[in-house]
Amino acid sequence: MLNLARAEYDHETKYKAFKGWLEQAARSPAYVAAHSEQSRNSLKVMDVALFEARYREARPAFEVLRGLYGSRTFAKRRFLYARRSQSYDDRLVQTTAKKMAAMAGGRDFVVAYGDGDFPLVIKGLGSSSHKKLMRLLSKKVRIVLTREYRTTKACPRCRCQTSSMKQPLGNTPQPCGRRSRVHGLSQCYECGRLWARDRAAALNIARSFVGCFRTGQTPTYLSRAG
């Protein structure tokens, strides 16, 4: 229903165009030297005298970089990128909400959303994309946060409580001779079933929500007590 790759998001929001312009502008010898000077003079020090000395050394480089990042052109391009991102986010969430309503046969439904806390993966969002999507969806549909413990590790088929699924090994060997694991897939070593990692997690999150709704407890194979 909602499978958005980073490359697709960058293409739709024109992020690559914005980044390409910025990288080209920053290739100026003055900006390169200023960036290098800034990286050599870290202001993360505890001694006040050392901080003031480094600040005086870094101040000229800061003024040079302000000519780029404080320019009207940079502000305009950043504003246009932010506006395109917001417009695309709104369209994406609106389309997703309509698909959910069509599958549910109306607006009387809730969305079980995993309560996982993930690090920032898209620069400039202010929080992780996981939390951002939750905030955007909550404006269109009802969201219920659901425990996400073991939802990517437990097999939805055999529901084994003691083993965890792992990424299977690929067929192509690396130069070192070892085979790398396949990203996005999970394999249960109890029943042998191969899962798309996101599909298995979605099934487990749904069962966790239903279990809490009906009995007040998550299924045993998804519980810490299990």
N, C-alpha and C. Protein backbone atom coordinates (compact mmCIF):
# COMPACT_ATOMS: atom_id res chain seq x y z
N MET A 1 0.82 -1.20 0.00
CA MET A 1 0.00 0.00 0.00
C MET A 1 0.86 1.26 0.00
N LEU A 2 1.88 1.26 0.83
CA LEU A 2 2.78 2.41 0.92
C LEU A 2 4.20 1.89 0.95
N ASN A 3 4.85 1.94 -0.19
CA ASN A 3 6.22 1.43 -0.30
C ASN A 3 7.05 2.48 -1.02
N LEU A 4 7.64 3.38 -0.26
CA LEU A 4 8.34 4.52 -0.82
C LEU A 4 9.83 4.40 -0.55
N ALA A 5 10.60 4.34 -1.62
CA ALA A 5 12.06 4.28 -1.51
C ALA A 5 12.62 5.69 -1.41
N ARG A 6 13.81 5.78 -0.80
CA ARG A 6 14.44 7.10 -0.65
C ARG A 6 14.70 7.74 -2.01
N ALA A 7 15.12 6.94 -2.99
CA ALA A 7 15.41 7.47 -4.32
C ALA A 7 14.15 8.08 -4.95
N GLU A 8 13.02 7.42 -4.78
CA GLU A 8 11.76 7.93 -5.33
C GLU A 8 11.37 9.24 -4.64
N TYR A 9 11.55 9.29 -3.32
CA TYR A 9 11.22 10.50 -2.57
C TYR A 9 12.10 11.67 -3.03
N ASP A 10 13.39 11.41 -3.21
CA ASP A 10 14.30 12.46 -3.65
C ASP A 10 13.94 12.96 -5.05
N HIS A 11 13.51 12.02 -5.90
CA HIS A 11 13.13 12.41 -7.27
C HIS A 11 11.87 13.27 -7.27
N GLU A 12 10.87 12.87 -6.51
CA GLU A 12 9.61 13.60 -6.50
C GLU A 12 9.74 14.99 -5.87
N THR A 13 10.61 15.13 -4.89
CA THR A 13 10.76 16.42 -4.20
C THR A 13 11.88 17.27 -4.79
N LYS A 14 12.55 16.77 -5.84
CA LYS A 14 13.65 17.50 -6.48
C LYS A 14 14.82 17.74 -5.53
N TYR A 15 15.00 16.82 -4.60
CA TYR A 15 16.10 16.99 -3.64
C TYR A 15 17.45 16.92 -4.33
N LYS A 16 17.58 16.04 -5.31
CA LYS A 16 18.86 15.89 -6.00
C LYS A 16 19.24 17.18 -6.73
N ALA A 17 18.24 17.88 -7.29
CA ALA A 17 18.52 19.14 -7.97
C ALA A 17 19.03 20.18 -6.98
N PHE A 18 18.38 20.25 -5.81
CA PHE A 18 18.81 21.19 -4.78
C PHE A 18 20.21 20.84 -4.27
N LYS A 19 20.45 19.56 -4.02
CA LYS A 19 21.75 19.12 -3.52
C LYS A 19 22.83 19.34 -4.57
N GLY A 20 22.51 19.09 -5.84
CA GLY A 20 23.48 19.29 -6.90
C GLY A 20 23.88 20.75 -7.04
N TRP A 21 22.89 21.65 -6.94
CA TRP A 21 23.21 23.08 -7.00
C TRP A 21 24.11 23.48 -5.84
N LEU A 22 23.79 22.99 -4.64
CA LEU A 22 24.58 23.35 -3.46
C LEU A 22 26.01 22.83 -3.56
N GLU A 23 26.17 21.60 -4.02
CA GLU A 23 27.52 21.03 -4.16
C GLU A 23 28.33 21.79 -5.21
N GLN A 24 27.68 22.18 -6.30
CA GLN A 24 28.39 22.94 -7.33
C GLN A 24 28.80 24.32 -6.81
N ALA A 25 27.91 24.97 -6.06
CA ALA A 25 28.23 26.29 -5.51
C ALA A 25 29.35 26.20 -4.48
N ALA A 26 29.37 25.09 -3.72
CA ALA A 26 30.37 24.94 -2.66
C ALA A 26 31.73 24.53 -3.19
N ARG A 27 31.86 24.30 -4.51
CA ARG A 27 33.16 23.93 -5.09
C ARG A 27 34.09 25.12 -5.26
N SER A 28 33.58 26.31 -5.02
CA SER A 28 34.43 27.50 -5.12
C SER A 28 35.62 27.37 -4.18
N PRO A 29 36.83 27.72 -4.63
CA PRO A 29 38.02 27.58 -3.76
C PRO A 29 37.87 28.26 -2.41
N ALA A 30 37.18 29.41 -2.38
CA ALA A 30 37.00 30.11 -1.11
C ALA A 30 36.13 29.31 -0.16
N TYR A 31 35.07 28.71 -0.69
CA TYR A 31 34.18 27.90 0.16
C TYR A 31 34.85 26.62 0.60
N VAL A 32 35.64 26.00 -0.29
CA VAL A 32 36.36 24.77 0.07
C VAL A 32 37.34 25.05 1.20
N ALA A 33 38.06 26.15 1.09
CA ALA A 33 39.02 26.50 2.14
C ALA A 33 38.31 26.82 3.45
N ALA A 34 37.15 27.48 3.36
CA ALA A 34 36.40 27.82 4.57
C ALA A 34 35.87 26.56 5.25
N HIS A 35 35.36 25.62 4.47
CA HIS A 35 34.88 24.35 5.03
C HIS A 35 36.03 23.61 5.73
N SER A 36 37.19 23.60 5.09
CA SER A 36 38.35 22.92 5.66
C SER A 36 38.77 23.58 6.97
N GLU A 37 38.74 24.91 7.01
CA GLU A 37 39.10 25.63 8.21
C GLU A 37 38.12 25.37 9.34
N GLN A 38 36.83 25.30 9.00
CA GLN A 38 35.81 25.02 10.01
C GLN A 38 35.98 23.62 10.59
N SER A 39 36.33 22.65 9.75
CA SER A 39 36.49 21.27 10.23
C SER A 39 37.71 21.12 11.13
N ARG A 40 38.73 21.97 10.94
CA ARG A 40 39.94 21.87 11.76
C ARG A 40 39.78 22.56 13.11
N ASN A 41 38.86 23.50 13.20
CA ASN A 41 38.71 24.28 14.44
C ASN A 41 37.37 23.94 15.10
N SER A 42 37.34 22.85 15.82
CA SER A 42 36.13 22.47 16.53
C SER A 42 35.95 23.35 17.76
N LEU A 43 34.71 23.82 17.97
CA LEU A 43 34.40 24.66 19.12
C LEU A 43 33.89 23.85 20.30
N LYS A 44 33.93 22.54 20.18
CA LYS A 44 33.44 21.68 21.26
C LYS A 44 34.57 21.45 22.28
N VAL A 45 34.85 22.47 23.05
CA VAL A 45 35.88 22.40 24.08
C VAL A 45 35.31 22.93 25.39
N MET A 46 35.92 22.54 26.50
CA MET A 46 35.45 22.96 27.83
C MET A 46 36.18 24.21 28.33
N ASP A 47 37.40 24.41 27.86
CA ASP A 47 38.20 25.54 28.32
C ASP A 47 37.74 26.82 27.62
N VAL A 48 37.43 27.87 28.39
CA VAL A 48 36.91 29.11 27.82
C VAL A 48 37.95 29.81 26.97
N ALA A 49 39.18 29.86 27.45
CA ALA A 49 40.23 30.53 26.69
C ALA A 49 40.49 29.84 25.35
N LEU A 50 40.49 28.50 25.37
CA LEU A 50 40.69 27.75 24.13
C LEU A 50 39.52 27.96 23.17
N PHE A 51 38.32 28.02 23.72
CA PHE A 51 37.14 28.26 22.89
C PHE A 51 37.25 29.62 22.20
N GLU A 52 37.61 30.65 22.95
CA GLU A 52 37.71 31.99 22.37
C GLU A 52 38.80 32.05 21.31
N ALA A 53 39.91 31.35 21.54
CA ALA A 53 40.99 31.34 20.55
C ALA A 53 40.55 30.66 19.26
N ARG A 54 39.88 29.53 19.39
CA ARG A 54 39.41 28.81 18.20
C ARG A 54 38.31 29.59 17.49
N TYR A 55 37.50 30.28 18.27
CA TYR A 55 36.42 31.07 17.67
C TYR A 55 37.01 32.19 16.81
N ARG A 56 38.04 32.85 17.30
CA ARG A 56 38.67 33.92 16.53
C ARG A 56 39.29 33.37 15.24
N GLU A 57 39.83 32.16 15.32
CA GLU A 57 40.42 31.56 14.12
C GLU A 57 39.34 31.15 13.11
N ALA A 58 38.20 30.69 13.60
CA ALA A 58 37.16 30.17 12.72
C ALA A 58 36.22 31.25 12.20
N ARG A 59 36.23 32.42 12.84
CA ARG A 59 35.27 33.47 12.47
C ARG A 59 35.40 33.92 11.01
N PRO A 60 36.61 34.14 10.46
CA PRO A 60 36.71 34.53 9.03
C PRO A 60 36.10 33.48 8.10
N ALA A 61 36.33 32.19 8.41
CA ALA A 61 35.76 31.13 7.57
C ALA A 61 34.24 31.12 7.67
N PHE A 62 33.74 31.40 8.86
CA PHE A 62 32.29 31.48 9.05
C PHE A 62 31.68 32.59 8.20
N GLU A 63 32.33 33.72 8.14
CA GLU A 63 31.84 34.84 7.35
C GLU A 63 31.82 34.48 5.86
N VAL A 64 32.84 33.73 5.42
CA VAL A 64 32.87 33.31 4.01
C VAL A 64 31.70 32.37 3.71
N LEU A 65 31.46 31.39 4.59
CA LEU A 65 30.37 30.44 4.37
C LEU A 65 29.00 31.11 4.49
N ARG A 66 28.91 32.15 5.28
CA ARG A 66 27.64 32.85 5.39
C ARG A 66 27.26 33.50 4.07
N GLY A 67 28.29 33.81 3.26
CA GLY A 67 28.00 34.35 1.94
C GLY A 67 27.24 33.37 1.07
N LEU A 68 27.41 32.07 1.32
CA LEU A 68 26.68 31.04 0.56
C LEU A 68 25.37 30.67 1.26
N TYR A 69 25.47 30.22 2.51
CA TYR A 69 24.29 29.72 3.20
C TYR A 69 23.35 30.83 3.69
N GLY A 70 23.84 32.05 3.73
CA GLY A 70 22.98 33.16 4.10
C GLY A 70 22.52 33.98 2.92
N SER A 71 22.80 33.49 1.72
CA SER A 71 22.45 34.25 0.52
C SER A 71 20.96 34.12 0.20
N ARG A 72 20.48 35.06 -0.57
CA ARG A 72 19.08 35.04 -1.00
C ARG A 72 18.79 33.85 -1.92
N THR A 73 19.77 33.52 -2.76
CA THR A 73 19.60 32.39 -3.68
C THR A 73 19.44 31.07 -2.92
N PHE A 74 20.28 30.87 -1.90
CA PHE A 74 20.18 29.64 -1.11
C PHE A 74 18.84 29.58 -0.39
N ALA A 75 18.41 30.69 0.20
CA ALA A 75 17.13 30.72 0.92
C ALA A 75 15.97 30.41 -0.02
N LYS A 76 16.02 30.94 -1.24
CA LYS A 76 14.94 30.70 -2.20
C LYS A 76 14.90 29.24 -2.61
N ARG A 77 16.05 28.67 -2.92
CA ARG A 77 16.08 27.26 -3.35
C ARG A 77 15.67 26.33 -2.21
N ARG A 78 16.09 26.62 -1.00
CA ARG A 78 15.70 25.80 0.14
C ARG A 78 14.19 25.90 0.39
N PHE A 79 13.64 27.10 0.22
CA PHE A 79 12.19 27.28 0.38
C PHE A 79 11.42 26.49 -0.66
N LEU A 80 11.87 26.53 -1.91
CA LEU A 80 11.17 25.80 -2.97
C LEU A 80 11.24 24.29 -2.73
N TYR A 81 12.40 23.81 -2.26
CA TYR A 81 12.52 22.39 -1.95
C TYR A 81 11.59 22.00 -0.81
N ALA A 82 11.52 22.82 0.25
CA ALA A 82 10.64 22.53 1.38
C ALA A 82 9.17 22.54 0.94
N ARG A 83 8.82 23.45 0.06
CA ARG A 83 7.43 23.51 -0.42
C ARG A 83 7.08 22.30 -1.26
N ARG A 84 8.01 21.86 -2.11
CA ARG A 84 7.76 20.65 -2.90
C ARG A 84 7.64 19.43 -2.00
N SER A 85 8.48 19.35 -0.98
CA SER A 85 8.43 18.22 -0.05
C SER A 85 7.09 18.17 0.68
N GLN A 86 6.64 19.31 1.16
CA GLN A 86 5.37 19.36 1.88
C GLN A 86 4.21 19.00 0.96
N SER A 87 4.24 19.48 -0.27
CA SER A 87 3.18 19.18 -1.23
C SER A 87 3.15 17.68 -1.54
N TYR A 88 4.33 17.09 -1.73
CA TYR A 88 4.38 15.66 -2.03
C TYR A 88 3.93 14.83 -0.83
N ASP A 89 4.33 15.22 0.37
CA ASP A 89 3.89 14.51 1.57
C ASP A 89 2.37 14.51 1.69
N ASP A 90 1.76 15.66 1.43
CA ASP A 90 0.30 15.77 1.53
C ASP A 90 -0.39 14.88 0.51
N ARG A 91 0.13 14.85 -0.71
CA ARG A 91 -0.47 14.00 -1.75
C ARG A 91 -0.31 12.52 -1.40
N LEU A 92 0.86 12.16 -0.90
CA LEU A 92 1.13 10.77 -0.56
C LEU A 92 0.19 10.29 0.55
N VAL A 93 0.05 11.08 1.60
CA VAL A 93 -0.81 10.69 2.72
C VAL A 93 -2.27 10.66 2.30
N GLN A 94 -2.69 11.61 1.47
CA GLN A 94 -4.07 11.63 0.99
C GLN A 94 -4.37 10.38 0.18
N THR A 95 -3.46 10.00 -0.70
CA THR A 95 -3.66 8.79 -1.51
C THR A 95 -3.70 7.54 -0.63
N THR A 96 -2.80 7.47 0.36
CA THR A 96 -2.76 6.32 1.26
C THR A 96 -4.05 6.21 2.07
N ALA A 97 -4.55 7.33 2.57
CA ALA A 97 -5.80 7.32 3.34
C ALA A 97 -6.98 6.85 2.49
N LYS A 98 -7.02 7.24 1.23
CA LYS A 98 -8.09 6.80 0.34
C LYS A 98 -8.01 5.29 0.08
N LYS A 99 -6.80 4.78 -0.09
CA LYS A 99 -6.63 3.34 -0.29
C LYS A 99 -7.08 2.56 0.94
N MET A 100 -6.74 3.07 2.12
CA MET A 100 -7.16 2.41 3.36
C MET A 100 -8.68 2.40 3.49
N ALA A 101 -9.30 3.52 3.16
CA ALA A 101 -10.75 3.61 3.25
C ALA A 101 -11.42 2.66 2.25
N ALA A 102 -10.84 2.53 1.07
CA ALA A 102 -11.40 1.62 0.07
C ALA A 102 -11.29 0.17 0.52
N MET A 103 -10.16 -0.20 1.13
CA MET A 103 -9.97 -1.57 1.61
C MET A 103 -10.87 -1.87 2.80
N ALA A 104 -11.11 -0.85 3.63
CA ALA A 104 -11.94 -1.06 4.82
C ALA A 104 -13.43 -0.93 4.52
N GLY A 105 -13.77 -0.43 3.33
CA GLY A 105 -15.18 -0.26 2.97
C GLY A 105 -15.82 0.95 3.64
N GLY A 106 -15.02 1.92 4.02
CA GLY A 106 -15.54 3.12 4.66
C GLY A 106 -14.49 3.75 5.56
N ARG A 107 -14.93 4.74 6.31
CA ARG A 107 -14.01 5.48 7.17
C ARG A 107 -13.94 4.93 8.59
N ASP A 108 -14.71 3.88 8.87
CA ASP A 108 -14.76 3.34 10.23
C ASP A 108 -13.66 2.29 10.40
N PHE A 109 -12.43 2.74 10.59
CA PHE A 109 -11.30 1.82 10.78
C PHE A 109 -10.21 2.56 11.55
N VAL A 110 -9.27 1.78 12.08
CA VAL A 110 -8.09 2.35 12.76
C VAL A 110 -6.84 1.75 12.13
N VAL A 111 -5.76 2.43 12.28
CA VAL A 111 -4.47 1.98 11.75
C VAL A 111 -3.56 1.63 12.92
N ALA A 112 -3.15 0.37 12.99
CA ALA A 112 -2.20 -0.06 14.02
C ALA A 112 -0.80 0.35 13.56
N TYR A 113 -0.17 1.22 14.31
CA TYR A 113 1.12 1.80 13.92
C TYR A 113 2.17 1.42 14.95
N GLY A 114 3.27 0.85 14.50
CA GLY A 114 4.33 0.43 15.41
C GLY A 114 4.91 1.59 16.20
N ASP A 115 5.19 1.35 17.47
CA ASP A 115 5.68 2.41 18.35
C ASP A 115 7.20 2.48 18.38
N GLY A 116 7.87 1.89 17.40
CA GLY A 116 9.33 1.90 17.38
C GLY A 116 9.88 3.32 17.28
N ASP A 117 11.02 3.54 17.91
CA ASP A 117 11.69 4.84 17.89
C ASP A 117 12.97 4.69 17.08
N PHE A 118 12.97 5.26 15.88
CA PHE A 118 14.09 5.08 14.97
C PHE A 118 14.88 6.37 14.83
N PRO A 119 16.17 6.27 14.50
CA PRO A 119 16.98 7.48 14.33
C PRO A 119 16.61 8.23 13.08
N LEU A 120 17.10 9.46 13.00
CA LEU A 120 16.84 10.30 11.84
C LEU A 120 17.45 9.67 10.60
N VAL A 121 16.62 9.53 9.52
CA VAL A 121 17.13 8.93 8.30
C VAL A 121 17.03 9.85 7.10
N ILE A 122 16.26 10.91 7.22
CA ILE A 122 16.16 11.88 6.15
C ILE A 122 16.50 13.25 6.71
N LYS A 123 17.53 13.88 6.21
CA LYS A 123 17.99 15.14 6.76
C LYS A 123 16.93 16.23 6.59
N GLY A 124 16.81 17.05 7.60
CA GLY A 124 15.93 18.20 7.52
C GLY A 124 14.53 17.99 8.02
N LEU A 125 14.18 16.77 8.43
CA LEU A 125 12.81 16.51 8.87
C LEU A 125 12.60 16.92 10.32
N GLY A 126 13.63 16.98 11.13
CA GLY A 126 13.48 17.34 12.53
C GLY A 126 13.19 16.13 13.40
N SER A 127 12.75 15.04 12.83
CA SER A 127 12.54 13.79 13.54
C SER A 127 12.65 12.67 12.51
N SER A 128 12.52 11.44 12.94
CA SER A 128 12.64 10.34 12.00
C SER A 128 11.47 10.33 11.04
N SER A 129 11.68 9.74 9.86
CA SER A 129 10.60 9.64 8.87
C SER A 129 9.46 8.79 9.40
N HIS A 130 9.78 7.84 10.31
CA HIS A 130 8.75 7.00 10.93
C HIS A 130 7.77 7.85 11.72
N LYS A 131 8.27 8.76 12.52
CA LYS A 131 7.41 9.64 13.31
C LYS A 131 6.70 10.67 12.44
N LYS A 132 7.39 11.15 11.42
CA LYS A 132 6.77 12.12 10.53
C LYS A 132 5.57 11.53 9.81
N LEU A 133 5.71 10.29 9.32
CA LEU A 133 4.60 9.63 8.64
C LEU A 133 3.44 9.43 9.60
N MET A 134 3.73 9.09 10.85
CA MET A 134 2.66 8.91 11.83
C MET A 134 1.90 10.21 12.05
N ARG A 135 2.61 11.32 12.15
CA ARG A 135 1.95 12.61 12.35
C ARG A 135 1.08 12.98 11.16
N LEU A 136 1.60 12.73 9.96
CA LEU A 136 0.83 13.07 8.77
C LEU A 136 -0.41 12.20 8.63
N LEU A 137 -0.27 10.89 8.89
CA LEU A 137 -1.42 9.99 8.79
C LEU A 137 -2.47 10.29 9.85
N SER A 138 -2.03 10.72 11.03
CA SER A 138 -2.98 10.98 12.11
C SER A 138 -3.92 12.13 11.78
N LYS A 139 -3.59 12.94 10.78
CA LYS A 139 -4.48 14.02 10.37
C LYS A 139 -5.61 13.51 9.48
N LYS A 140 -5.43 12.29 8.93
CA LYS A 140 -6.43 11.75 8.01
C LYS A 140 -7.16 10.54 8.56
N VAL A 141 -6.47 9.72 9.37
CA VAL A 141 -7.07 8.49 9.89
C VAL A 141 -6.76 8.37 11.37
N ARG A 142 -7.44 7.44 12.02
CA ARG A 142 -7.19 7.21 13.44
C ARG A 142 -6.01 6.25 13.61
N ILE A 143 -5.04 6.68 14.41
CA ILE A 143 -3.81 5.92 14.63
C ILE A 143 -3.82 5.34 16.04
N VAL A 144 -3.45 4.06 16.16
CA VAL A 144 -3.30 3.42 17.45
C VAL A 144 -1.87 2.89 17.54
N LEU A 145 -1.08 3.43 18.45
CA LEU A 145 0.29 2.96 18.62
C LEU A 145 0.28 1.54 19.19
N THR A 146 1.07 0.68 18.58
CA THR A 146 1.09 -0.73 18.94
C THR A 146 2.51 -1.17 19.24
N ARG A 147 2.66 -2.02 20.24
CA ARG A 147 3.98 -2.51 20.61
C ARG A 147 4.65 -3.20 19.43
N GLU A 148 5.93 -2.88 19.26
CA GLU A 148 6.66 -3.41 18.11
C GLU A 148 7.72 -4.42 18.51
N TYR A 149 7.69 -4.88 19.75
CA TYR A 149 8.70 -5.81 20.24
C TYR A 149 8.62 -7.13 19.48
N ARG A 150 9.74 -7.56 18.91
CA ARG A 150 9.90 -8.83 18.17
C ARG A 150 9.08 -8.91 16.90
N THR A 151 8.48 -7.83 16.43
CA THR A 151 7.65 -7.92 15.24
C THR A 151 8.47 -8.19 13.98
N THR A 152 9.73 -7.80 13.96
CA THR A 152 10.58 -8.09 12.81
C THR A 152 11.40 -9.35 13.01
N LYS A 153 11.35 -9.93 14.20
CA LYS A 153 12.16 -11.12 14.50
C LYS A 153 11.35 -12.40 14.56
N ALA A 154 10.10 -12.31 15.03
CA ALA A 154 9.29 -13.52 15.21
C ALA A 154 8.61 -13.92 13.90
N CYS A 155 8.54 -15.21 13.65
CA CYS A 155 7.91 -15.73 12.44
C CYS A 155 6.40 -15.75 12.61
N PRO A 156 5.63 -15.10 11.73
CA PRO A 156 4.17 -15.10 11.85
C PRO A 156 3.54 -16.47 11.59
N ARG A 157 4.30 -17.37 10.96
CA ARG A 157 3.75 -18.68 10.61
C ARG A 157 3.84 -19.67 11.77
N CYS A 158 5.06 -19.92 12.25
CA CYS A 158 5.22 -20.92 13.31
C CYS A 158 5.14 -20.30 14.70
N ARG A 159 5.31 -18.98 14.79
CA ARG A 159 5.17 -18.25 16.05
C ARG A 159 6.08 -18.82 17.15
N CYS A 160 7.29 -19.15 16.76
CA CYS A 160 8.24 -19.69 17.73
C CYS A 160 8.68 -18.59 18.70
N GLN A 161 8.69 -18.92 19.97
CA GLN A 161 9.01 -17.94 21.00
C GLN A 161 10.51 -17.84 21.29
N THR A 162 11.27 -18.85 20.89
CA THR A 162 12.68 -18.91 21.28
C THR A 162 13.65 -18.54 20.18
N SER A 163 13.22 -18.60 18.94
CA SER A 163 14.14 -18.30 17.83
C SER A 163 13.74 -17.00 17.14
N SER A 164 14.70 -16.43 16.43
CA SER A 164 14.47 -15.18 15.70
C SER A 164 14.84 -15.38 14.24
N MET A 165 14.08 -14.76 13.37
CA MET A 165 14.38 -14.83 11.95
C MET A 165 15.63 -14.01 11.64
N LYS A 166 16.33 -14.42 10.61
CA LYS A 166 17.54 -13.73 10.19
C LYS A 166 17.53 -13.51 8.68
N GLN A 167 18.35 -12.58 8.23
CA GLN A 167 18.47 -12.35 6.80
C GLN A 167 19.15 -13.55 6.14
N PRO A 168 18.59 -14.08 5.05
CA PRO A 168 19.22 -15.23 4.38
C PRO A 168 20.47 -14.80 3.62
N LEU A 169 21.34 -15.76 3.36
CA LEU A 169 22.55 -15.49 2.60
C LEU A 169 22.23 -15.41 1.12
N GLY A 170 22.87 -14.49 0.42
CA GLY A 170 22.68 -14.36 -1.01
C GLY A 170 23.48 -15.40 -1.78
N ASN A 171 23.24 -15.45 -3.09
CA ASN A 171 23.92 -16.44 -3.93
C ASN A 171 25.25 -15.94 -4.48
N THR A 172 25.41 -14.62 -4.54
CA THR A 172 26.61 -14.06 -5.14
C THR A 172 27.69 -13.85 -4.08
N PRO A 173 28.83 -14.48 -4.24
CA PRO A 173 29.90 -14.31 -3.24
C PRO A 173 30.59 -12.95 -3.38
N GLN A 174 31.09 -12.44 -2.27
CA GLN A 174 31.83 -11.19 -2.26
C GLN A 174 33.29 -11.48 -2.63
N PRO A 175 34.07 -10.42 -2.95
CA PRO A 175 35.49 -10.64 -3.29
C PRO A 175 36.26 -11.41 -2.22
N CYS A 176 35.82 -11.27 -0.96
CA CYS A 176 36.51 -11.99 0.11
C CYS A 176 36.14 -13.47 0.15
N GLY A 177 35.14 -13.87 -0.67
CA GLY A 177 34.74 -15.26 -0.71
C GLY A 177 33.47 -15.56 0.07
N ARG A 178 33.09 -14.66 0.98
CA ARG A 178 31.89 -14.88 1.77
C ARG A 178 30.66 -14.30 1.08
N ARG A 179 29.51 -14.87 1.36
CA ARG A 179 28.26 -14.37 0.80
C ARG A 179 27.62 -13.37 1.76
N SER A 180 27.13 -12.28 1.22
CA SER A 180 26.46 -11.27 2.04
C SER A 180 24.99 -11.64 2.22
N ARG A 181 24.38 -11.10 3.26
CA ARG A 181 22.98 -11.37 3.54
C ARG A 181 22.07 -10.45 2.72
N VAL A 182 20.88 -10.94 2.40
CA VAL A 182 19.95 -10.23 1.53
C VAL A 182 19.13 -9.25 2.36
N HIS A 183 19.25 -7.98 2.03
CA HIS A 183 18.51 -6.94 2.74
C HIS A 183 17.03 -6.99 2.37
N GLY A 184 16.17 -6.84 3.36
CA GLY A 184 14.73 -6.81 3.11
C GLY A 184 14.04 -8.15 3.23
N LEU A 185 14.81 -9.23 3.40
CA LEU A 185 14.24 -10.56 3.55
C LEU A 185 14.57 -11.12 4.93
N SER A 186 13.68 -11.97 5.43
CA SER A 186 13.91 -12.66 6.71
C SER A 186 13.52 -14.12 6.53
N GLN A 187 14.29 -15.00 7.14
CA GLN A 187 14.01 -16.43 7.04
C GLN A 187 13.92 -17.04 8.42
N CYS A 188 12.87 -17.84 8.60
CA CYS A 188 12.69 -18.55 9.85
C CYS A 188 13.44 -19.87 9.76
N TYR A 189 14.30 -20.14 10.74
CA TYR A 189 15.09 -21.37 10.72
C TYR A 189 14.41 -22.50 11.47
N GLU A 190 13.16 -22.26 11.90
CA GLU A 190 12.36 -23.32 12.51
C GLU A 190 11.48 -23.98 11.46
N CYS A 191 10.72 -23.17 10.71
CA CYS A 191 9.82 -23.73 9.70
C CYS A 191 10.36 -23.55 8.28
N GLY A 192 11.42 -22.74 8.11
CA GLY A 192 12.03 -22.55 6.80
C GLY A 192 11.35 -21.52 5.93
N ARG A 193 10.31 -20.87 6.42
CA ARG A 193 9.57 -19.90 5.61
C ARG A 193 10.40 -18.64 5.36
N LEU A 194 10.34 -18.15 4.11
CA LEU A 194 11.04 -16.93 3.73
C LEU A 194 10.03 -15.80 3.64
N TRP A 195 10.32 -14.70 4.32
CA TRP A 195 9.38 -13.59 4.40
C TRP A 195 10.01 -12.31 3.86
N ALA A 196 9.16 -11.47 3.27
CA ALA A 196 9.54 -10.07 3.08
C ALA A 196 9.50 -9.44 4.47
N ARG A 197 10.58 -8.83 4.89
CA ARG A 197 10.71 -8.35 6.27
C ARG A 197 9.56 -7.42 6.67
N ASP A 198 9.18 -6.51 5.80
CA ASP A 198 8.12 -5.56 6.13
C ASP A 198 6.76 -6.25 6.23
N ARG A 199 6.53 -7.25 5.39
CA ARG A 199 5.25 -7.97 5.45
C ARG A 199 5.13 -8.75 6.76
N ALA A 200 6.20 -9.42 7.16
CA ALA A 200 6.17 -10.16 8.42
C ALA A 200 5.94 -9.21 9.59
N ALA A 201 6.59 -8.06 9.57
CA ALA A 201 6.42 -7.09 10.65
C ALA A 201 4.99 -6.56 10.68
N ALA A 202 4.41 -6.32 9.50
CA ALA A 202 3.03 -5.81 9.45
C ALA A 202 2.04 -6.83 10.02
N LEU A 203 2.24 -8.11 9.69
CA LEU A 203 1.36 -9.16 10.24
C LEU A 203 1.48 -9.24 11.76
N ASN A 204 2.70 -9.15 12.25
CA ASN A 204 2.91 -9.24 13.69
C ASN A 204 2.36 -8.01 14.42
N ILE A 205 2.51 -6.84 13.83
CA ILE A 205 1.95 -5.63 14.44
C ILE A 205 0.43 -5.73 14.49
N ALA A 206 -0.18 -6.25 13.42
CA ALA A 206 -1.63 -6.42 13.41
C ALA A 206 -2.08 -7.39 14.51
N ARG A 207 -1.36 -8.50 14.68
CA ARG A 207 -1.72 -9.46 15.72
C ARG A 207 -1.50 -8.88 17.12
N SER A 208 -0.46 -8.08 17.26
CA SER A 208 -0.23 -7.44 18.55
C SER A 208 -1.37 -6.50 18.91
N PHE A 209 -1.84 -5.75 17.92
CA PHE A 209 -2.95 -4.83 18.16
C PHE A 209 -4.23 -5.59 18.49
N VAL A 210 -4.54 -6.63 17.71
CA VAL A 210 -5.76 -7.40 17.95
C VAL A 210 -5.72 -8.07 19.32
N GLY A 211 -4.54 -8.60 19.69
CA GLY A 211 -4.42 -9.23 20.99
C GLY A 211 -4.65 -8.25 22.13
N CYS A 212 -4.07 -7.07 22.02
CA CYS A 212 -4.28 -6.05 23.06
C CYS A 212 -5.72 -5.58 23.09
N PHE A 213 -6.36 -5.49 21.94
CA PHE A 213 -7.73 -5.01 21.87
C PHE A 213 -8.70 -6.02 22.47
N ARG A 214 -8.45 -7.31 22.24
CA ARG A 214 -9.39 -8.34 22.70
C ARG A 214 -9.13 -8.79 24.13
N THR A 215 -7.87 -8.97 24.46
CA THR A 215 -7.55 -9.55 25.77
C THR A 215 -6.73 -8.62 26.67
N GLY A 216 -6.23 -7.52 26.12
CA GLY A 216 -5.39 -6.63 26.90
C GLY A 216 -3.94 -7.07 26.95
N GLN A 217 -3.58 -8.12 26.21
CA GLN A 217 -2.21 -8.62 26.20
C GLN A 217 -1.78 -8.93 24.77
N THR A 218 -0.48 -8.77 24.53
CA THR A 218 0.06 -9.13 23.22
C THR A 218 0.20 -10.65 23.13
N PRO A 219 0.20 -11.22 21.94
CA PRO A 219 0.41 -12.65 21.81
C PRO A 219 1.70 -13.10 22.50
N THR A 220 1.71 -14.31 22.98
CA THR A 220 2.84 -14.82 23.77
C THR A 220 4.14 -14.75 22.98
N TYR A 221 4.11 -15.07 21.69
CA TYR A 221 5.36 -15.12 20.92
C TYR A 221 5.91 -13.70 20.63
N LEU A 222 5.10 -12.67 20.91
CA LEU A 222 5.55 -11.29 20.75
C LEU A 222 5.73 -10.59 22.09
N SER A 223 5.65 -11.35 23.16
CA SER A 223 5.73 -10.76 24.49
C SER A 223 7.10 -11.00 25.11
N ARG A 224 7.55 -10.05 25.88
CA ARG A 224 8.82 -10.21 26.61
C ARG A 224 8.72 -11.35 27.62
N ALA A 225 7.52 -11.54 28.15
CA ALA A 225 7.35 -12.62 29.13
C ALA A 225 7.46 -13.99 28.47
N GLY A 226 7.25 -14.02 27.14
CA GLY A 226 7.31 -15.30 26.45
C GLY A 226 8.73 -15.79 26.31
